[in-house]
N, C-alpha and C. Protein backbone atom coordinates (compact mmCIF):
# COMPACT_ATOMS: atom_id res chain seq x y z
N MET A 1 -72.50 12.16 14.56
CA MET A 1 -73.81 12.76 14.60
C MET A 1 -73.64 14.15 14.82
N GLN A 2 -74.52 14.93 14.11
CA GLN A 2 -74.32 16.54 14.29
C GLN A 2 -75.15 16.80 15.77
N ASN A 3 -74.46 18.12 16.11
CA ASN A 3 -75.21 18.61 17.37
C ASN A 3 -76.34 19.62 17.01
N ASP A 4 -77.41 18.96 16.55
CA ASP A 4 -78.61 19.84 16.20
C ASP A 4 -79.28 20.11 17.36
N SER A 5 -80.25 21.24 17.16
CA SER A 5 -81.04 21.60 18.34
C SER A 5 -82.22 20.69 18.23
N ILE A 6 -82.97 20.99 19.30
CA ILE A 6 -84.18 20.11 19.35
C ILE A 6 -85.19 20.43 18.45
N GLU A 7 -85.21 21.69 18.10
CA GLU A 7 -86.17 22.18 17.11
C GLU A 7 -86.00 21.69 15.50
N THR A 8 -84.51 21.70 15.33
CA THR A 8 -84.12 21.12 14.04
C THR A 8 -84.45 19.53 14.02
N LEU A 9 -84.33 18.79 14.93
CA LEU A 9 -84.72 17.34 15.11
C LEU A 9 -86.07 17.19 14.72
N LEU A 10 -87.01 17.98 15.41
CA LEU A 10 -88.23 17.82 15.28
C LEU A 10 -88.73 18.28 14.00
N LEU A 11 -88.28 19.23 13.49
CA LEU A 11 -88.61 19.51 12.10
C LEU A 11 -88.34 18.57 11.18
N ARG A 12 -87.16 17.86 11.37
CA ARG A 12 -86.83 16.75 10.31
C ARG A 12 -87.74 15.47 10.63
N HIS A 13 -88.23 15.04 11.75
CA HIS A 13 -88.97 14.21 12.01
C HIS A 13 -90.39 14.24 11.74
N TYR A 14 -90.94 15.28 12.14
CA TYR A 14 -92.32 15.78 11.90
C TYR A 14 -92.54 16.47 10.74
N GLY A 15 -91.72 17.38 10.24
CA GLY A 15 -92.07 18.22 9.14
C GLY A 15 -92.38 19.52 9.70
N SER A 16 -92.69 20.66 8.89
CA SER A 16 -93.05 21.93 9.40
C SER A 16 -94.60 21.98 9.72
N GLU A 17 -95.28 21.35 9.19
CA GLU A 17 -96.88 21.34 9.34
C GLU A 17 -97.37 20.30 10.49
N ALA A 18 -96.70 19.51 10.99
CA ALA A 18 -97.04 18.63 12.07
C ALA A 18 -97.11 19.34 13.36
N PRO A 19 -98.15 19.14 14.10
CA PRO A 19 -98.29 19.65 15.48
C PRO A 19 -97.09 19.21 16.41
N ALA A 20 -96.87 20.13 17.32
CA ALA A 20 -95.77 19.53 18.34
C ALA A 20 -96.41 18.50 19.27
N PRO A 21 -95.64 17.45 19.69
CA PRO A 21 -96.14 16.51 20.67
C PRO A 21 -96.67 17.09 21.81
N THR A 22 -97.66 16.70 22.37
CA THR A 22 -98.42 17.10 23.58
C THR A 22 -97.44 17.12 24.92
N HIS A 23 -97.62 17.99 25.51
CA HIS A 23 -96.74 18.17 26.69
C HIS A 23 -95.22 18.00 26.65
N LEU A 24 -94.84 18.33 25.49
CA LEU A 24 -93.45 18.23 25.03
C LEU A 24 -92.55 19.04 26.07
N GLU A 25 -92.92 20.27 26.30
CA GLU A 25 -92.19 21.23 27.01
C GLU A 25 -91.95 20.70 28.50
N GLN A 26 -92.95 20.28 29.01
CA GLN A 26 -93.07 19.70 30.35
C GLN A 26 -92.41 18.54 30.62
N ARG A 27 -92.29 17.48 29.71
CA ARG A 27 -91.60 16.44 29.68
C ARG A 27 -90.11 16.75 29.49
N LEU A 28 -89.74 17.65 28.72
CA LEU A 28 -88.16 18.07 28.58
C LEU A 28 -87.81 18.76 29.92
N VAL A 29 -88.74 19.31 30.59
CA VAL A 29 -88.16 20.22 31.90
C VAL A 29 -88.12 19.09 32.99
N THR A 30 -88.97 18.22 32.97
CA THR A 30 -88.80 17.18 34.00
C THR A 30 -87.69 16.30 33.75
N SER A 31 -87.45 15.95 32.46
CA SER A 31 -86.18 15.12 32.24
C SER A 31 -85.05 15.92 32.46
N LEU A 32 -84.94 17.18 32.35
CA LEU A 32 -83.77 18.02 32.48
C LEU A 32 -83.30 17.96 34.13
N ARG A 33 -84.55 18.10 34.80
CA ARG A 33 -84.53 18.16 36.12
C ARG A 33 -83.95 16.87 36.93
N ARG A 34 -84.47 15.82 36.37
CA ARG A 34 -83.95 14.51 36.82
C ARG A 34 -82.56 14.27 36.57
N ASP A 35 -82.00 14.64 35.47
CA ASP A 35 -80.70 14.48 34.97
C ASP A 35 -79.80 15.40 35.83
N LEU A 36 -80.32 16.67 36.16
CA LEU A 36 -79.54 17.42 37.12
C LEU A 36 -79.28 16.73 38.49
N GLN A 37 -80.48 16.31 39.04
CA GLN A 37 -80.66 15.65 40.31
C GLN A 37 -79.73 14.55 40.37
N ARG A 38 -79.47 13.91 39.26
CA ARG A 38 -78.70 12.54 39.20
C ARG A 38 -77.13 13.02 39.19
N GLN A 39 -76.81 14.05 38.44
CA GLN A 39 -75.67 14.60 38.47
C GLN A 39 -75.13 15.05 39.71
N HIS A 40 -75.93 15.73 40.49
CA HIS A 40 -75.82 16.23 41.72
C HIS A 40 -75.40 15.13 42.81
N VAL A 41 -76.19 14.19 42.90
CA VAL A 41 -75.98 13.02 43.77
C VAL A 41 -74.69 12.21 43.40
N SER A 42 -74.25 12.06 42.24
CA SER A 42 -73.02 11.40 41.64
C SER A 42 -71.97 12.18 42.25
N ARG A 43 -72.05 13.55 42.24
CA ARG A 43 -70.90 14.31 42.77
C ARG A 43 -70.72 14.32 44.10
N GLN A 44 -71.51 13.91 44.87
CA GLN A 44 -71.41 13.78 46.36
C GLN A 44 -70.85 12.66 46.85
N ARG A 45 -71.01 11.55 45.88
CA ARG A 45 -70.48 10.08 46.26
C ARG A 45 -68.84 10.23 46.37
N ILE A 46 -68.24 9.40 47.19
CA ILE A 46 -66.88 9.52 47.27
C ILE A 46 -66.71 7.86 47.12
N ASN A 47 -65.64 7.68 46.33
CA ASN A 47 -65.23 6.30 46.13
C ASN A 47 -64.46 5.81 47.37
N ARG A 48 -64.25 4.34 47.22
CA ARG A 48 -63.39 3.75 48.42
C ARG A 48 -61.97 4.24 48.42
N ARG A 49 -61.31 4.42 47.21
CA ARG A 49 -60.06 4.76 47.25
C ARG A 49 -59.93 6.06 47.87
N GLN A 50 -60.67 7.03 47.66
CA GLN A 50 -60.71 8.52 48.32
C GLN A 50 -60.91 8.26 49.85
N VAL A 51 -61.73 7.31 50.15
CA VAL A 51 -61.85 6.91 51.67
C VAL A 51 -60.57 6.52 52.38
N MET A 52 -60.20 5.53 51.77
CA MET A 52 -58.75 4.86 52.20
C MET A 52 -57.80 5.86 52.30
N ARG A 53 -57.54 6.70 51.25
CA ARG A 53 -56.66 7.72 51.23
C ARG A 53 -56.80 8.59 52.52
N LEU A 54 -57.92 9.18 52.74
CA LEU A 54 -58.31 10.05 53.78
C LEU A 54 -58.11 9.37 55.14
N VAL A 55 -58.36 7.99 55.16
CA VAL A 55 -58.07 7.32 56.61
C VAL A 55 -56.63 7.08 56.75
N ALA A 56 -55.89 6.94 55.71
CA ALA A 56 -54.32 6.76 55.80
C ALA A 56 -53.54 8.07 56.16
N MET A 57 -54.10 9.27 55.63
CA MET A 57 -53.45 10.39 55.79
C MET A 57 -54.04 10.68 57.25
N GLY A 58 -55.05 10.58 57.76
CA GLY A 58 -55.25 10.91 59.17
C GLY A 58 -54.70 10.15 60.20
N SER A 59 -54.58 8.74 59.76
CA SER A 59 -53.75 8.02 60.86
C SER A 59 -52.20 8.37 60.65
N ALA A 60 -51.79 8.71 59.58
CA ALA A 60 -50.33 9.08 59.60
C ALA A 60 -50.05 10.49 60.30
N GLY A 61 -51.04 11.33 60.27
CA GLY A 61 -50.99 12.48 61.02
C GLY A 61 -51.11 12.45 62.40
N ILE A 62 -51.90 11.49 62.91
CA ILE A 62 -52.00 11.04 64.33
C ILE A 62 -50.68 10.37 64.89
N GLY A 63 -50.15 9.57 63.95
CA GLY A 63 -48.78 8.97 64.36
C GLY A 63 -47.52 10.02 64.34
N ILE A 64 -47.63 10.83 63.55
CA ILE A 64 -46.57 12.01 63.57
C ILE A 64 -46.71 12.90 64.78
N LEU A 65 -48.21 13.27 65.17
CA LEU A 65 -48.36 14.03 66.23
C LEU A 65 -47.92 13.30 67.51
N SER A 66 -48.30 11.97 67.56
CA SER A 66 -47.84 11.25 68.83
C SER A 66 -46.62 11.07 68.88
N ALA A 67 -45.66 11.03 67.82
CA ALA A 67 -44.29 10.90 67.84
C ALA A 67 -43.71 12.21 68.31
N GLY A 68 -44.24 13.35 67.84
CA GLY A 68 -43.87 14.61 68.31
C GLY A 68 -43.95 14.86 69.91
N ILE A 69 -45.10 14.32 70.43
CA ILE A 69 -45.50 14.53 71.67
C ILE A 69 -44.41 13.68 72.59
N GLU A 70 -44.23 12.58 72.11
CA GLU A 70 -43.18 11.70 72.87
C GLU A 70 -41.64 12.25 72.83
N GLY A 71 -41.46 13.03 71.74
CA GLY A 71 -40.01 13.65 71.36
C GLY A 71 -39.93 14.83 72.34
N LEU A 72 -41.14 15.64 72.49
CA LEU A 72 -41.03 16.75 73.31
C LEU A 72 -40.94 16.17 74.87
N GLN A 73 -41.49 15.14 75.20
CA GLN A 73 -41.39 14.71 76.54
C GLN A 73 -39.99 14.20 76.78
N GLN A 74 -39.26 13.48 75.85
CA GLN A 74 -37.86 13.28 75.92
C GLN A 74 -36.96 14.59 75.97
N MET A 75 -37.25 15.40 75.35
CA MET A 75 -36.37 16.68 75.45
C MET A 75 -36.54 17.41 76.73
N GLU A 76 -37.73 17.39 77.13
CA GLU A 76 -37.99 17.94 78.70
C GLU A 76 -37.21 17.04 79.68
N THR A 77 -37.34 15.86 79.46
CA THR A 77 -36.60 15.19 80.47
C THR A 77 -35.06 15.39 80.41
N ILE A 78 -34.69 15.45 79.15
CA ILE A 78 -33.03 15.72 78.88
C ILE A 78 -32.74 17.11 79.47
N LEU A 79 -33.61 18.03 79.21
CA LEU A 79 -33.15 19.43 79.69
C LEU A 79 -33.47 19.69 81.08
N LEU A 80 -34.43 19.20 81.59
CA LEU A 80 -34.83 19.55 83.02
C LEU A 80 -34.10 18.34 83.69
N GLY A 81 -33.78 17.32 83.55
CA GLY A 81 -32.87 16.46 84.13
C GLY A 81 -34.09 15.49 84.99
N GLN A 82 -35.19 15.54 84.66
CA GLN A 82 -36.21 14.88 85.58
C GLN A 82 -37.26 14.29 84.67
N ASP A 83 -37.79 13.22 84.85
CA ASP A 83 -39.03 12.69 84.12
C ASP A 83 -40.23 13.29 84.62
N ILE A 84 -40.79 14.32 83.72
CA ILE A 84 -41.99 14.99 84.35
C ILE A 84 -43.15 14.16 83.90
N SER A 85 -43.17 12.97 83.09
CA SER A 85 -44.26 12.42 82.62
C SER A 85 -44.73 11.36 83.70
N GLN A 86 -43.99 11.23 84.89
CA GLN A 86 -44.51 10.52 85.95
C GLN A 86 -45.02 11.46 87.15
N PRO A 87 -46.09 10.92 87.84
CA PRO A 87 -46.82 11.66 88.82
C PRO A 87 -45.84 12.11 89.93
N ALA A 88 -45.97 13.28 90.57
CA ALA A 88 -45.03 13.72 91.51
C ALA A 88 -45.17 12.98 92.89
N PHE A 89 -46.45 12.50 93.15
CA PHE A 89 -46.59 11.75 94.24
C PHE A 89 -47.23 10.42 93.96
N SER A 90 -46.65 9.29 94.45
CA SER A 90 -47.02 7.94 94.19
C SER A 90 -47.77 7.32 95.33
């Protein structure tokens, strides 16, 4: 199919003497706005794979952070010679 303009298609279908369909421009504008709204909504949707990937990356980041904090506490214990994670008074 060729990529013809709307005017060319209308001329082929109705001929040069036929009147334009009533409210044609308004119907085309309404249709274009509706299509643009659908495209906008579909761009905002996130599929399940993307959500699972974000959750996995977030939990991996939390795991790394937790391991880093534990490692720092262990290094402080080794360097200072005392366990500072325990309260001073019991």
